[in-house]
Amino acid sequence: MQSLSILVLWAATIGIILVDRKKRAESTNEDMLPMNEPGLGVLFALAVLCNIGCLPYYFLQTRGGAKGFLMGIGFFAGCFVLTVAASVVLAGR
């Protein structure tokens, strides 16, 4: 059951990154242009090896400054809550 919870965490993290990358690629807003984006391989490795740092790193690189870092922390917190909820549901089975 713990492995399913970890898969939920990884899937949520990667999902957020992929959705944001797509949104940035389609954006015409100059602040959202896809520059300084880390490679997907680096992000996948971070998601697996050090998940807590993956989203803050991604948003810091793409948004810059404290705003990006705090966005990453917030999204990680959401992924963590989703993972805890999934583990509670799986434990009740």
C-alpha atoms as a PDB file:
ATOM      1  CA  MET A   1       0.000   0.000   0.000  1.00  0.00           C
ATOM      2  CA  GLN A   2       2.866   2.370   0.668  1.00  0.00           C
ATOM      3  CA  SER A   3       4.184   1.847  -2.841  1.00  0.00           C
ATOM      4  CA  LEU A   4       0.822   2.939  -4.269  1.00  0.00           C
ATOM      5  CA  SER A   5       0.957   6.088  -2.147  1.00  0.00           C
ATOM      6  CA  ILE A   6       4.417   6.870  -3.474  1.00  0.00           C
ATOM      7  CA  LEU A   7       3.169   6.336  -7.021  1.00  0.00           C
ATOM      8  CA  VAL A   8       0.385   8.842  -6.313  1.00  0.00           C
ATOM      9  CA  LEU A   9       2.988  11.366  -5.125  1.00  0.00           C
ATOM     10  CA  TRP A  10       5.170  10.845  -8.195  1.00  0.00           C
ATOM     11  CA  ALA A  11       2.209  10.972 -10.582  1.00  0.00           C
ATOM     12  CA  ALA A  12       0.854  14.169  -9.021  1.00  0.00           C
ATOM     13  CA  THR A  13       4.280  15.831  -9.164  1.00  0.00           C
ATOM     14  CA  ILE A  14       4.940  14.870 -12.774  1.00  0.00           C
ATOM     15  CA  GLY A  15       1.358  15.760 -13.711  1.00  0.00           C
ATOM     16  CA  ILE A  16       1.722  19.286 -12.327  1.00  0.00           C
ATOM     17  CA  ILE A  17       4.955  19.770 -14.259  1.00  0.00           C
ATOM     18  CA  LEU A  18       3.525  18.489 -17.545  1.00  0.00           C
ATOM     19  CA  VAL A  19       0.363  20.596 -17.254  1.00  0.00           C
ATOM     20  CA  ASP A  20       2.393  23.708 -16.426  1.00  0.00           C
ATOM     21  CA  ARG A  21       4.817  23.105 -19.298  1.00  0.00           C
ATOM     22  CA  LYS A  22       1.911  22.756 -21.727  1.00  0.00           C
ATOM     23  CA  LYS A  23       0.267  25.898 -20.340  1.00  0.00           C
ATOM     24  CA  ARG A  24       3.520  27.826 -20.674  1.00  0.00           C
ATOM     25  CA  ALA A  25       4.084  26.615 -24.251  1.00  0.00           C
ATOM     26  CA  GLU A  26       0.618  27.808 -25.303  1.00  0.00           C
ATOM     27  CA  SER A  27       0.835  31.137 -23.478  1.00  0.00           C
ATOM     28  CA  THR A  28       1.284  34.462 -25.214  1.00  0.00           C
ATOM     29  CA  ASN A  29       2.044  36.218 -21.922  1.00  0.00           C
ATOM     30  CA  GLU A  30       5.678  37.288 -21.885  1.00  0.00           C
ATOM     31  CA  ASP A  31       6.112  36.215 -18.243  1.00  0.00           C
ATOM     32  CA  MET A  32       5.001  32.677 -19.089  1.00  0.00           C
ATOM     33  CA  LEU A  33       7.245  32.008 -22.076  1.00  0.00           C
ATOM     34  CA  PRO A  34       9.031  28.651 -21.824  1.00  0.00           C
ATOM     35  CA  MET A  35      12.545  29.736 -20.967  1.00  0.00           C
ATOM     36  CA  ASN A  36      14.871  28.443 -18.274  1.00  0.00           C
ATOM     37  CA  GLU A  37      12.887  25.207 -18.091  1.00  0.00           C
ATOM     38  CA  PRO A  38      14.845  22.296 -16.675  1.00  0.00           C
ATOM     39  CA  GLY A  39      14.892  19.143 -18.789  1.00  0.00           C
ATOM     40  CA  LEU A  40      12.272  16.482 -18.167  1.00  0.00           C
ATOM     41  CA  GLY A  41      14.949  13.914 -17.298  1.00  0.00           C
ATOM     42  CA  VAL A  42      16.240  16.090 -14.477  1.00  0.00           C
ATOM     43  CA  LEU A  43      12.719  16.683 -13.202  1.00  0.00           C
ATOM     44  CA  PHE A  44      11.809  12.987 -13.323  1.00  0.00           C
ATOM     45  CA  ALA A  45      14.992  12.109 -11.446  1.00  0.00           C
ATOM     46  CA  LEU A  46      14.246  14.763  -8.815  1.00  0.00           C
ATOM     47  CA  ALA A  47      10.666  13.532  -8.492  1.00  0.00           C
ATOM     48  CA  VAL A  48      11.891  10.020  -7.754  1.00  0.00           C
ATOM     49  CA  LEU A  49      14.982  10.770  -5.665  1.00  0.00           C
ATOM     50  CA  CYS A  50      14.033  13.933  -3.792  1.00  0.00           C
ATOM     51  CA  ASN A  51      10.394  14.717  -4.396  1.00  0.00           C
ATOM     52  CA  ILE A  52      10.192  17.539  -1.869  1.00  0.00           C
ATOM     53  CA  GLY A  53      12.684  19.544  -3.925  1.00  0.00           C
ATOM     54  CA  CYS A  54      11.289  18.856  -7.386  1.00  0.00           C
ATOM     55  CA  LEU A  55       8.394  21.329  -7.593  1.00  0.00           C
ATOM     56  CA  PRO A  56      10.156  24.175  -5.741  1.00  0.00           C
ATOM     57  CA  TYR A  57      13.139  23.730  -8.093  1.00  0.00           C
ATOM     58  CA  TYR A  58      10.933  23.673 -11.194  1.00  0.00           C
ATOM     59  CA  PHE A  59       8.910  26.749 -10.256  1.00  0.00           C
ATOM     60  CA  LEU A  60      12.018  28.613  -9.071  1.00  0.00           C
ATOM     61  CA  GLN A  61      13.630  28.008 -12.471  1.00  0.00           C
ATOM     62  CA  THR A  62      10.551  28.900 -14.503  1.00  0.00           C
ATOM     63  CA  ARG A  63       9.115  31.766 -12.439  1.00  0.00           C
ATOM     64  CA  GLY A  64      12.198  32.999 -10.613  1.00  0.00           C
ATOM     65  CA  GLY A  65      12.532  34.478  -7.167  1.00  0.00           C
ATOM     66  CA  ALA A  66      10.647  33.802  -3.985  1.00  0.00           C
ATOM     67  CA  LYS A  67       7.284  33.751  -5.772  1.00  0.00           C
ATOM     68  CA  GLY A  68       8.276  30.708  -7.824  1.00  0.00           C
ATOM     69  CA  PHE A  69       9.811  28.938  -4.849  1.00  0.00           C
ATOM     70  CA  LEU A  70       6.684  29.486  -2.746  1.00  0.00           C
ATOM     71  CA  MET A  71       4.485  28.273  -5.616  1.00  0.00           C
ATOM     72  CA  GLY A  72       6.532  25.082  -5.707  1.00  0.00           C
ATOM     73  CA  ILE A  73       6.201  24.609  -1.950  1.00  0.00           C
ATOM     74  CA  GLY A  74       2.430  25.113  -2.217  1.00  0.00           C
ATOM     75  CA  PHE A  75       2.066  22.616  -5.046  1.00  0.00           C
ATOM     76  CA  PHE A  76       4.210  20.096  -3.161  1.00  0.00           C
ATOM     77  CA  ALA A  77       1.983  20.546  -0.101  1.00  0.00           C
ATOM     78  CA  GLY A  78      -1.036  19.768  -2.289  1.00  0.00           C
ATOM     79  CA  CYS A  79       0.665  16.631  -3.623  1.00  0.00           C
ATOM     80  CA  PHE A  80       1.529  15.582  -0.085  1.00  0.00           C
ATOM     81  CA  VAL A  81      -2.079  16.007   1.076  1.00  0.00           C
ATOM     82  CA  LEU A  82      -3.248  13.980  -1.923  1.00  0.00           C
ATOM     83  CA  THR A  83      -0.751  11.241  -1.034  1.00  0.00           C
ATOM     84  CA  VAL A  84      -1.878  11.126   2.601  1.00  0.00           C
ATOM     85  CA  ALA A  85      -5.506  10.947   1.480  1.00  0.00           C
ATOM     86  CA  ALA A  86      -4.670   8.099  -0.891  1.00  0.00           C
ATOM     87  CA  SER A  87      -2.857   6.177   1.850  1.00  0.00           C
ATOM     88  CA  VAL A  88      -5.828   6.620   4.226  1.00  0.00           C
ATOM     89  CA  VAL A  89      -8.214   5.347   1.567  1.00  0.00           C
ATOM     90  CA  LEU A  90      -5.921   2.413   0.750  1.00  0.00           C
ATOM     91  CA  ALA A  91      -5.514   1.557   4.450  1.00  0.00           C
ATOM     92  CA  GLY A  92      -9.288   1.358   4.833  1.00  0.00           C
ATOM     93  CA  ARG A  93      -9.591  -1.353   2.188  1.00  0.00           C
END
